[in-house]
Amino acid sequence: MGTFCSMIKFENLQELKRLCHWGPIIALSVIAICSIMAMIDSVLWYWPLHTTGGSVNFIMLINWTVMILYNYFNAMFVGPGFVPLGWKPENSQDSMYLQYCKVCQAFKAPRSHHCRKCNRCVMKMDHHCPWINNCCGYQNHASFTLFLLLVPLGCVHAAFIFVMTMYTQLYNRLSFGWSTVKIDMSAARRDPLPVVPFGLAAFAATLFALGLALGTTIAVGMLFFIQMKIILRNKTSIESWIEEKVVLCLDTSYSYRLTLTPGLTSGITSYKAPSLALSKPVQAKDRIQYYQLDETFVFPYDLGSRWKNFKQVFTWSGVPEGDGLEWPIREGCHQYSLTIEQLKQKADKRVRSVRYKAIENYSGAYCPLNRGIKTFFTSPCTEEPRIQLQKGEFILATRGLRYWLYGEKILDDPFIEGVSRIRGWFPRNCVEKRPCDTETESVPEDEKKTR
């Protein structure tokens, strides 16, 4: 009930504009097509007023649709929960372990990350989902996961109805000859005639809905499996990636141990390497320089029990445990173990970044025709932005593809009030690598702990 009341608050009604996006439009269209076609076909195959089974079948279809839409809109409009603007830890000394967000003018609470789409720091951010046009995080993680569970179940039910409807309707239209089998779609050879006529158009629509239901079942089912896997470990998708980078950068022996000490070059307890640990030692050039060879990492929020981890997201009241700012941690861990790890990885990323200079203008187009056919067809399939470049501007690239690079534009004054960092993709063939210049590349100490 508390979750429902939070949905009808006035400020949430202002977020109806989230529906005006390609993600919700496509998602709701798929739900509408599969639901409506399943109800129509169930009338043809299993008339709900004649038998108890037909009634149960029809009620179940309506039930799937209602529950799917409830959890979908709950995930969209309740939202993930945002770190309060201007937030800072109660103990001022703890700020040394946290990153500072210039956009929100606040420190990032543990497990929170800044979302460029929402333009806010999101509590326990998992990812920004285009299908709900909102982030998945602390407050709506349970609703989003239930939506991922219910969609495949509803689609499997609908697909069964589609198959049975096509089978029964085609069977009644089959005519056998000596050497041929013909299908007459004009009328069924039975009495009485069906309540809903099943012609060629209805057959094509049912076949299309069947393909849509099967495709949705596979795609959304895989997402549900991924979400449940990280929920049972009390992680998010971002935290799984952070931990994976730790394993790739630390020594690959089976277990480690390090004493917790304040600062950026330590901070973690013992770590038992998961299955993704490398089978051979990492090369020195790939090792993060801020790590010591005997250093280890243990994920602090895994409570050691899948049931305890599960209850951190799913509760009977529908309201997740905690306040989204402080989290229960496993014994022997530090509240800021993960944020310390993030600071180390970001520091290493700055060291490994490569400096480029724009030699040609780039408009910021997603698929630029004037940058070559290979650049056009290999444009990154992501919602991450592209950045406009003017000849002579400098960029720090942190990752890239064969024909594209991702980086941050070097601003003359990085501390302009209200101006966020300019990051995004740009084509490789409009820039050239430049040697590092200590004077121009030096980053102010205050900037190192910002976004």
Protein backbone atom coordinates (compact mmCIF):
# COMPACT_ATOMS: atom_id res chain seq x y z
CA MET A 1 0.00 0.00 0.00
CA GLY A 2 2.87 2.37 0.77
CA THR A 3 4.31 1.77 -2.67
CA PHE A 4 0.93 2.42 -4.30
CA CYS A 5 0.47 5.67 -2.39
CA SER A 6 3.92 6.83 -3.51
CA MET A 7 2.82 6.33 -7.11
CA ILE A 8 -0.05 8.81 -6.93
CA LYS A 9 1.84 11.69 -5.37
CA PHE A 10 1.51 14.90 -7.33
CA GLU A 11 5.21 15.19 -8.09
CA ASN A 12 5.22 11.72 -9.62
CA LEU A 13 2.33 12.63 -11.90
CA GLN A 14 4.65 15.21 -13.44
CA GLU A 15 6.78 12.33 -14.67
CA LEU A 16 4.16 11.18 -17.17
CA LYS A 17 6.49 12.67 -19.77
CA ARG A 18 8.60 9.55 -19.32
CA LEU A 19 6.05 7.79 -21.51
CA CYS A 20 7.06 10.02 -24.44
CA HIS A 21 10.14 7.98 -25.29
CA TRP A 22 10.82 5.21 -27.76
CA GLY A 23 11.49 2.69 -24.97
CA PRO A 24 8.10 2.83 -23.19
CA ILE A 25 6.29 3.18 -26.52
CA ILE A 26 7.82 -0.06 -27.83
CA ALA A 27 7.44 -1.91 -24.51
CA LEU A 28 3.79 -0.96 -24.08
CA SER A 29 3.08 -1.76 -27.74
CA VAL A 30 4.48 -5.28 -27.32
CA ILE A 31 2.42 -5.78 -24.15
CA ALA A 32 -0.72 -4.50 -25.87
CA ILE A 33 -0.28 -6.62 -29.02
CA CYS A 34 0.41 -9.87 -27.15
CA SER A 35 -2.37 -9.28 -24.59
CA ILE A 36 -5.09 -8.28 -27.05
CA MET A 37 -4.27 -11.01 -29.56
CA ALA A 38 -4.16 -13.63 -26.78
CA MET A 39 -7.60 -12.58 -25.53
CA ILE A 40 -9.08 -12.64 -29.02
CA ASP A 41 -7.55 -16.02 -29.83
CA SER A 42 -8.64 -17.49 -26.50
CA VAL A 43 -12.22 -16.72 -27.52
CA LEU A 44 -11.69 -18.71 -30.73
CA TRP A 45 -9.87 -21.62 -29.11
CA TYR A 46 -11.38 -21.91 -25.61
CA TRP A 47 -14.61 -19.91 -25.25
CA PRO A 48 -14.54 -18.66 -21.62
CA LEU A 49 -18.31 -18.86 -20.99
CA HIS A 50 -18.75 -22.52 -21.86
CA THR A 51 -16.37 -24.25 -19.49
CA THR A 52 -14.57 -23.63 -16.23
CA GLY A 53 -11.23 -24.17 -17.95
CA GLY A 54 -12.02 -21.48 -20.51
CA SER A 55 -12.93 -19.03 -17.74
CA VAL A 56 -9.75 -19.75 -15.79
CA ASN A 57 -7.69 -19.36 -18.96
CA PHE A 58 -9.23 -15.98 -19.76
CA ILE A 59 -8.91 -14.72 -16.17
CA MET A 60 -5.24 -15.75 -16.11
CA LEU A 61 -4.61 -13.72 -19.28
CA ILE A 62 -6.12 -10.63 -17.68
CA ASN A 63 -4.16 -11.32 -14.49
CA TRP A 64 -0.82 -11.47 -16.38
CA THR A 65 -1.57 -8.18 -18.13
CA VAL A 66 -2.58 -6.36 -14.93
CA MET A 67 0.45 -7.56 -12.93
CA ILE A 68 2.86 -6.80 -15.77
CA LEU A 69 1.54 -3.27 -16.21
CA TYR A 70 1.44 -2.65 -12.44
CA ASN A 71 5.09 -3.55 -11.94
CA TYR A 72 6.10 -1.77 -15.15
CA PHE A 73 4.54 1.54 -14.13
CA ASN A 74 5.72 1.06 -10.56
CA ALA A 75 9.32 0.73 -11.77
CA MET A 76 8.90 3.73 -14.06
CA PHE A 77 7.13 6.25 -11.81
CA VAL A 78 8.32 5.32 -8.31
CA GLY A 79 11.87 5.53 -9.64
CA PRO A 80 15.14 4.37 -8.12
CA GLY A 81 15.48 7.03 -5.44
CA PHE A 82 18.02 9.85 -5.66
CA VAL A 83 20.74 11.01 -3.32
CA PRO A 84 19.54 14.28 -1.73
CA LEU A 85 21.07 17.37 -3.31
CA GLY A 86 23.92 18.65 -1.20
CA TRP A 87 24.27 15.38 0.72
CA LYS A 88 27.43 14.76 2.71
CA PRO A 89 28.37 12.09 5.27
CA GLU A 90 27.71 12.78 8.94
CA ASN A 91 31.37 12.29 9.73
CA SER A 92 33.26 14.85 7.66
CA GLN A 93 36.37 12.65 7.66
CA ASP A 94 34.46 10.01 5.65
CA SER A 95 34.34 12.37 2.67
CA MET A 96 37.90 11.34 1.79
CA TYR A 97 36.50 7.96 0.75
CA LEU A 98 33.74 9.40 -1.43
CA GLN A 99 33.54 10.99 -4.84
CA TYR A 100 32.05 14.47 -5.22
CA CYS A 101 29.44 15.19 -7.90
CA LYS A 102 29.63 18.73 -9.24
CA VAL A 103 26.21 18.45 -10.93
CA CYS A 104 24.34 17.44 -7.76
CA GLN A 105 26.67 19.49 -5.52
CA ALA A 106 26.87 16.50 -3.19
CA PHE A 107 29.04 13.56 -2.26
CA LYS A 108 28.10 10.24 -3.80
CA ALA A 109 26.75 7.94 -1.12
CA PRO A 110 28.06 4.35 -1.08
CA ARG A 111 26.66 2.31 -4.02
CA SER A 112 25.30 5.45 -5.74
CA HIS A 113 26.31 6.66 -9.18
CA HIS A 114 25.50 9.69 -11.28
CA CYS A 115 23.18 9.05 -14.23
CA ARG A 116 23.63 11.38 -17.19
CA LYS A 117 20.11 10.63 -18.42
CA CYS A 118 18.37 11.38 -15.12
CA ASN A 119 20.95 14.07 -14.26
CA ARG A 120 20.97 12.95 -10.62
CA CYS A 121 22.99 10.65 -8.38
CA VAL A 122 20.97 7.43 -8.10
CA MET A 123 20.84 5.31 -4.94
CA LYS A 124 22.20 1.79 -5.51
CA MET A 125 22.16 2.33 -9.25
CA ASP A 126 21.99 -0.85 -11.34
CA HIS A 127 21.58 0.67 -14.81
CA HIS A 128 19.52 3.16 -16.77
CA CYS A 129 16.82 1.18 -18.55
CA PRO A 130 15.50 2.70 -21.81
CA TRP A 131 12.40 0.46 -21.68
CA ILE A 132 11.12 2.23 -18.54
CA ASN A 133 12.94 5.48 -19.41
CA ASN A 134 14.27 5.58 -15.86
CA CYS A 135 17.02 4.14 -13.73
CA CYS A 136 16.77 0.82 -11.94
CA GLY A 137 17.98 1.26 -8.41
CA TYR A 138 17.24 1.16 -4.70
CA GLN A 139 13.48 1.82 -4.66
CA ASN A 140 12.32 0.12 -7.88
CA HIS A 141 14.72 -2.81 -8.19
CA ALA A 142 12.09 -5.27 -6.89
CA SER A 143 9.34 -3.99 -9.20
CA PHE A 144 11.67 -4.05 -12.19
CA THR A 145 12.75 -7.64 -11.45
CA LEU A 146 9.13 -8.78 -10.97
CA PHE A 147 8.32 -7.20 -14.32
CA LEU A 148 11.15 -9.22 -15.89
CA LEU A 149 9.71 -12.39 -14.32
CA LEU A 150 6.07 -11.83 -15.25
CA VAL A 151 6.68 -10.89 -18.88
CA PRO A 152 8.15 -14.28 -19.92
CA LEU A 153 5.45 -16.15 -17.98
CA GLY A 154 2.69 -14.15 -19.64
CA CYS A 155 4.29 -14.51 -23.07
CA VAL A 156 4.60 -18.30 -22.70
CA HIS A 157 0.90 -18.49 -21.85
CA ALA A 158 0.04 -16.25 -24.81
CA ALA A 159 2.28 -18.26 -27.17
CA PHE A 160 0.50 -21.49 -26.17
CA ILE A 161 -2.86 -19.89 -26.97
CA PHE A 162 -1.57 -18.67 -30.35
CA VAL A 163 -0.32 -22.13 -31.30
CA MET A 164 -3.53 -23.87 -30.22
CA THR A 165 -5.70 -21.31 -32.00
CA MET A 166 -3.84 -21.66 -35.29
CA TYR A 167 -3.90 -25.44 -35.00
CA THR A 168 -7.64 -25.71 -34.32
CA GLN A 169 -8.61 -23.09 -36.89
CA LEU A 170 -6.42 -24.52 -39.64
CA TYR A 171 -7.57 -28.05 -38.88
CA ASN A 172 -11.16 -27.01 -39.52
CA ARG A 173 -10.16 -25.56 -42.87
CA LEU A 174 -8.16 -28.48 -44.21
CA SER A 175 -9.44 -30.34 -47.27
CA PHE A 176 -7.64 -33.45 -48.49
CA GLY A 177 -7.47 -34.50 -52.14
CA TRP A 178 -5.87 -37.45 -53.85
CA SER A 179 -2.53 -35.68 -54.20
CA THR A 180 -2.91 -32.29 -52.49
CA VAL A 181 -3.82 -30.73 -49.17
CA LYS A 182 -5.61 -27.38 -49.39
CA ILE A 183 -6.46 -24.80 -46.77
CA ASP A 184 -9.60 -22.71 -47.24
CA MET A 185 -9.30 -19.57 -45.11
CA SER A 186 -12.71 -18.21 -46.15
CA ALA A 187 -14.76 -20.14 -43.57
CA ALA A 188 -14.47 -22.96 -41.10
CA ARG A 189 -16.18 -26.27 -41.85
CA ARG A 190 -18.10 -26.40 -38.62
CA ASP A 191 -21.33 -25.35 -36.99
CA PRO A 192 -21.83 -22.97 -35.29
CA LEU A 193 -19.55 -20.36 -36.84
CA PRO A 194 -16.88 -18.88 -34.54
CA VAL A 195 -17.72 -15.77 -32.53
CA VAL A 196 -14.65 -14.01 -33.98
CA PRO A 197 -14.00 -14.65 -37.70
CA PHE A 198 -10.58 -16.17 -38.37
CA GLY A 199 -9.49 -15.18 -41.87
CA LEU A 200 -6.15 -14.65 -43.54
CA ALA A 201 -5.56 -11.34 -41.75
CA ALA A 202 -6.29 -12.91 -38.35
CA PHE A 203 -3.92 -15.78 -39.14
CA ALA A 204 -1.13 -13.33 -40.09
CA ALA A 205 -1.74 -11.27 -36.94
CA THR A 206 -1.64 -14.37 -34.74
CA LEU A 207 1.56 -15.58 -36.38
CA PHE A 208 3.16 -12.16 -35.85
CA ALA A 209 2.06 -12.09 -32.19
CA LEU A 210 3.49 -15.60 -31.72
CA GLY A 211 6.91 -14.50 -32.99
CA LEU A 212 6.74 -11.40 -30.80
CA ALA A 213 5.85 -13.44 -27.71
CA LEU A 214 8.62 -16.00 -28.27
CA GLY A 215 11.24 -13.32 -28.92
CA THR A 216 10.19 -11.37 -25.84
CA THR A 217 10.28 -14.52 -23.71
CA ILE A 218 13.88 -15.25 -24.68
CA ALA A 219 15.16 -11.66 -24.41
CA VAL A 220 13.42 -10.69 -21.16
CA GLY A 221 14.00 -14.12 -19.64
CA MET A 222 17.76 -13.68 -20.07
CA LEU A 223 17.56 -10.27 -18.39
CA PHE A 224 15.63 -11.79 -15.48
CA PHE A 225 18.29 -14.48 -15.07
CA ILE A 226 21.04 -11.83 -14.98
CA GLN A 227 19.15 -9.71 -12.45
CA MET A 228 18.46 -12.63 -10.12
CA LYS A 229 22.08 -13.71 -10.29
CA ILE A 230 23.32 -10.35 -9.02
CA ILE A 231 20.46 -9.92 -6.51
CA LEU A 232 21.35 -13.21 -4.81
CA ARG A 233 24.85 -11.81 -4.38
CA ASN A 234 23.48 -8.43 -3.24
CA LYS A 235 25.18 -6.63 -6.11
CA THR A 236 24.23 -4.38 -8.99
CA SER A 237 25.37 -4.59 -12.59
CA ILE A 238 27.79 -1.70 -12.02
CA GLU A 239 29.23 -3.30 -8.89
CA SER A 240 29.71 -6.60 -10.72
CA TRP A 241 31.74 -4.78 -13.35
CA ILE A 242 33.80 -3.01 -10.66
CA GLU A 243 34.57 -6.33 -8.98
CA GLU A 244 35.43 -7.94 -12.31
CA LYS A 245 37.99 -5.23 -12.99
CA VAL A 246 39.52 -5.88 -9.57
CA VAL A 247 40.05 -9.53 -10.42
CA LEU A 248 41.61 -8.61 -13.74
CA CYS A 249 44.06 -6.28 -12.02
CA LEU A 250 45.06 -8.20 -8.91
CA ASP A 251 47.20 -11.27 -8.60
CA THR A 252 45.27 -14.34 -9.74
CA SER A 253 46.09 -16.69 -6.89
CA TYR A 254 43.06 -18.32 -5.31
CA SER A 255 42.88 -16.26 -2.10
CA TYR A 256 44.33 -13.07 -0.68
CA ARG A 257 44.49 -11.11 2.53
CA LEU A 258 45.19 -7.48 3.39
CA THR A 259 44.59 -5.45 6.54
CA LEU A 260 42.20 -2.54 6.35
CA THR A 261 43.97 0.81 6.50
CA PRO A 262 42.68 4.25 5.49
CA GLY A 263 43.73 5.70 2.17
CA LEU A 264 43.42 4.92 -1.51
CA THR A 265 45.97 2.13 -1.86
CA SER A 266 44.47 -0.29 0.62
CA GLY A 267 41.19 -0.82 2.18
CA ILE A 268 39.99 -4.26 1.83
CA THR A 269 40.00 -7.51 3.70
CA SER A 270 40.16 -11.03 2.26
CA TYR A 271 38.94 -12.12 -1.13
CA LYS A 272 38.16 -15.53 -2.57
CA ALA A 273 38.53 -15.25 -6.31
CA PRO A 274 35.31 -16.11 -8.19
CA SER A 275 35.09 -18.24 -11.29
CA LEU A 276 36.01 -15.35 -13.57
CA ALA A 277 39.60 -15.28 -12.25
CA LEU A 278 42.17 -15.62 -14.99
CA SER A 279 43.86 -18.96 -15.63
CA LYS A 280 47.25 -17.31 -16.16
CA PRO A 281 48.97 -14.28 -14.59
CA VAL A 282 48.01 -10.80 -15.75
CA GLN A 283 50.68 -8.98 -17.73
CA ALA A 284 52.39 -6.11 -15.96
CA LYS A 285 51.14 -3.61 -18.52
CA ASP A 286 47.54 -4.58 -17.73
CA ARG A 287 47.88 -4.33 -13.95
CA ILE A 288 46.49 -1.26 -12.25
CA GLN A 289 49.41 0.59 -10.78
CA TYR A 290 47.53 1.63 -7.66
CA TYR A 291 47.36 -2.00 -6.47
CA GLN A 292 49.98 -3.89 -4.52
CA LEU A 293 50.76 -7.43 -5.61
CA ASP A 294 49.40 -8.95 -2.40
CA GLU A 295 46.34 -6.70 -2.21
CA THR A 296 42.87 -8.20 -2.27
CA PHE A 297 39.26 -7.18 -2.48
CA VAL A 298 36.13 -8.60 -0.87
CA PHE A 299 32.70 -7.33 -1.84
CA PRO A 300 31.40 -5.76 1.40
CA TYR A 301 27.64 -6.00 0.78
CA ASP A 302 27.36 -9.75 0.18
CA LEU A 303 25.91 -10.86 3.52
CA GLY A 304 27.03 -14.46 3.01
CA SER A 305 23.51 -15.90 2.58
CA ARG A 306 21.44 -15.86 -0.60
CA TRP A 307 18.26 -15.54 1.46
CA LYS A 308 19.61 -12.50 3.35
CA ASN A 309 20.74 -10.95 0.07
CA PHE A 310 17.31 -11.66 -1.46
CA LYS A 311 15.54 -9.89 1.42
CA GLN A 312 17.61 -6.77 0.81
CA VAL A 313 15.56 -6.23 -2.37
CA PHE A 314 12.28 -8.13 -1.91
CA THR A 315 10.12 -7.44 1.14
CA TRP A 316 6.47 -8.17 1.94
CA SER A 317 5.76 -4.46 2.32
CA GLY A 318 7.23 -3.65 -1.08
CA VAL A 319 9.57 -1.10 0.51
CA PRO A 320 13.26 -2.14 0.38
CA GLU A 321 15.27 -2.27 3.57
CA GLY A 322 17.45 0.64 4.64
CA ASP A 323 17.50 4.27 3.59
CA GLY A 324 19.54 3.95 0.38
CA LEU A 325 22.52 5.78 1.90
CA GLU A 326 23.94 3.32 4.43
CA TRP A 327 24.06 -0.44 3.97
CA PRO A 328 24.62 -3.52 6.12
CA ILE A 329 28.00 -5.06 5.43
CA ARG A 330 29.52 -8.45 6.02
CA GLU A 331 31.69 -9.04 9.04
CA GLY A 332 35.25 -7.76 8.71
CA CYS A 333 34.46 -5.29 5.93
CA HIS A 334 34.49 -1.51 5.83
CA GLN A 335 31.51 0.68 4.89
CA TYR A 336 33.61 2.42 2.24
CA SER A 337 35.50 -0.56 0.82
CA LEU A 338 33.72 -0.30 -2.53
CA THR A 339 34.04 3.48 -2.83
CA ILE A 340 37.78 3.23 -2.09
CA GLU A 341 38.04 0.68 -4.88
CA GLN A 342 36.20 3.02 -7.25
CA LEU A 343 38.57 5.88 -6.46
CA LYS A 344 41.54 3.65 -7.23
CA GLN A 345 40.08 2.48 -10.53
CA LYS A 346 39.21 6.02 -11.59
CA ALA A 347 42.70 7.22 -10.71
CA ASP A 348 44.16 4.43 -12.81
CA LYS A 349 41.84 5.27 -15.70
CA ARG A 350 43.15 8.84 -15.70
CA VAL A 351 46.71 7.55 -15.81
CA ARG A 352 45.93 5.20 -18.69
CA SER A 353 43.94 7.76 -20.69
CA VAL A 354 45.40 8.85 -24.02
CA ARG A 355 45.48 12.46 -25.20
CA TYR A 356 44.12 13.26 -28.67
CA LYS A 357 43.76 16.44 -30.69
CA ALA A 358 40.91 17.06 -33.12
CA ILE A 359 42.24 17.55 -36.65
CA GLU A 360 38.80 17.82 -38.23
CA ASN A 361 35.40 19.05 -37.10
CA TYR A 362 32.82 16.49 -35.97
CA SER A 363 29.13 17.43 -35.66
CA GLY A 364 28.23 14.83 -33.04
CA ALA A 365 26.07 12.76 -35.43
CA TYR A 366 25.43 9.17 -34.34
CA CYS A 367 26.08 7.76 -37.81
CA PRO A 368 28.17 10.37 -39.69
CA LEU A 369 28.12 9.86 -43.44
CA ASN A 370 31.15 12.08 -44.03
CA ARG A 371 33.48 10.02 -41.79
CA GLY A 372 33.64 6.98 -44.06
CA ILE A 373 31.52 3.91 -44.66
CA LYS A 374 33.20 1.81 -41.94
CA THR A 375 32.72 4.52 -39.32
CA PHE A 376 29.08 4.84 -40.39
CA PHE A 377 28.26 1.14 -40.01
CA THR A 378 30.29 0.54 -36.83
CA SER A 379 28.72 3.31 -34.75
CA PRO A 380 28.49 2.13 -31.08
CA CYS A 381 25.08 0.62 -30.30
CA THR A 382 24.58 2.54 -27.08
CA GLU A 383 22.64 5.52 -25.75
CA GLU A 384 25.87 7.12 -24.60
CA PRO A 385 26.22 10.56 -26.19
CA ARG A 386 28.50 11.72 -29.00
CA ILE A 387 30.52 14.86 -28.43
CA GLN A 388 30.96 17.65 -30.94
CA LEU A 389 34.55 18.45 -31.77
CA GLN A 390 36.11 21.54 -33.26
CA LYS A 391 39.48 21.46 -34.92
CA GLY A 392 42.22 22.05 -32.35
CA GLU A 393 40.31 20.81 -29.29
CA PHE A 394 41.88 18.21 -26.99
CA ILE A 395 40.28 15.01 -25.69
CA LEU A 396 41.31 12.39 -23.16
CA ALA A 397 40.26 8.97 -24.46
CA THR A 398 39.67 6.20 -21.90
CA ARG A 399 38.32 3.40 -24.10
CA GLY A 400 37.49 2.72 -27.68
CA LEU A 401 36.52 0.51 -30.59
CA ARG A 402 38.25 0.01 -33.90
CA TYR A 403 36.76 3.11 -35.52
CA TRP A 404 35.43 5.00 -32.47
CA LEU A 405 36.86 6.38 -29.22
CA TYR A 406 35.21 7.36 -25.95
CA GLY A 407 36.64 10.19 -23.92
CA GLU A 408 36.30 13.52 -22.22
CA LYS A 409 36.84 16.91 -23.74
CA ILE A 410 39.56 18.95 -22.03
CA LEU A 411 37.99 22.27 -21.06
CA ASP A 412 39.94 25.48 -20.63
CA ASP A 413 38.22 26.00 -17.28
CA PRO A 414 36.89 22.74 -15.80
CA PHE A 415 35.35 24.52 -12.81
CA ILE A 416 32.79 26.65 -14.66
CA GLU A 417 29.70 26.72 -12.46
CA GLY A 418 26.84 24.57 -13.79
CA VAL A 419 28.90 23.03 -16.59
CA SER A 420 29.17 19.25 -16.49
CA ARG A 421 32.03 17.25 -17.92
CA ILE A 422 31.65 16.70 -21.65
CA ARG A 423 32.06 13.00 -22.39
CA GLY A 424 31.05 10.79 -25.28
CA TRP A 425 32.01 8.92 -28.45
CA PHE A 426 33.78 10.39 -31.47
CA PRO A 427 35.34 8.89 -34.65
CA ARG A 428 39.00 7.92 -34.59
CA ASN A 429 39.68 9.42 -38.02
CA CYS A 430 38.92 12.98 -36.90
CA VAL A 431 41.60 13.00 -34.18
CA GLU A 432 45.28 12.23 -33.83
CA LYS A 433 47.25 11.06 -30.83
CA ARG A 434 49.32 13.66 -29.03
CA PRO A 435 52.17 13.06 -26.57
CA CYS A 436 51.38 13.70 -22.93
CA ASP A 437 52.11 17.19 -21.76
CA THR A 438 52.52 17.34 -18.01
CA GLU A 439 51.71 21.01 -17.87
CA THR A 440 48.48 20.76 -19.84
CA GLU A 441 47.46 17.36 -18.55
CA SER A 442 47.82 18.00 -14.85
CA VAL A 443 44.52 17.56 -13.09
CA PRO A 444 43.77 19.62 -9.99
CA GLU A 445 43.54 17.57 -6.81
CA ASP A 446 39.95 18.67 -6.21
CA GLU A 447 38.97 17.42 -9.66
CA LYS A 448 40.23 13.90 -8.94
CA LYS A 449 37.33 13.13 -6.61
CA THR A 450 34.57 14.54 -8.81
CA ARG A 451 32.51 12.66 -11.32
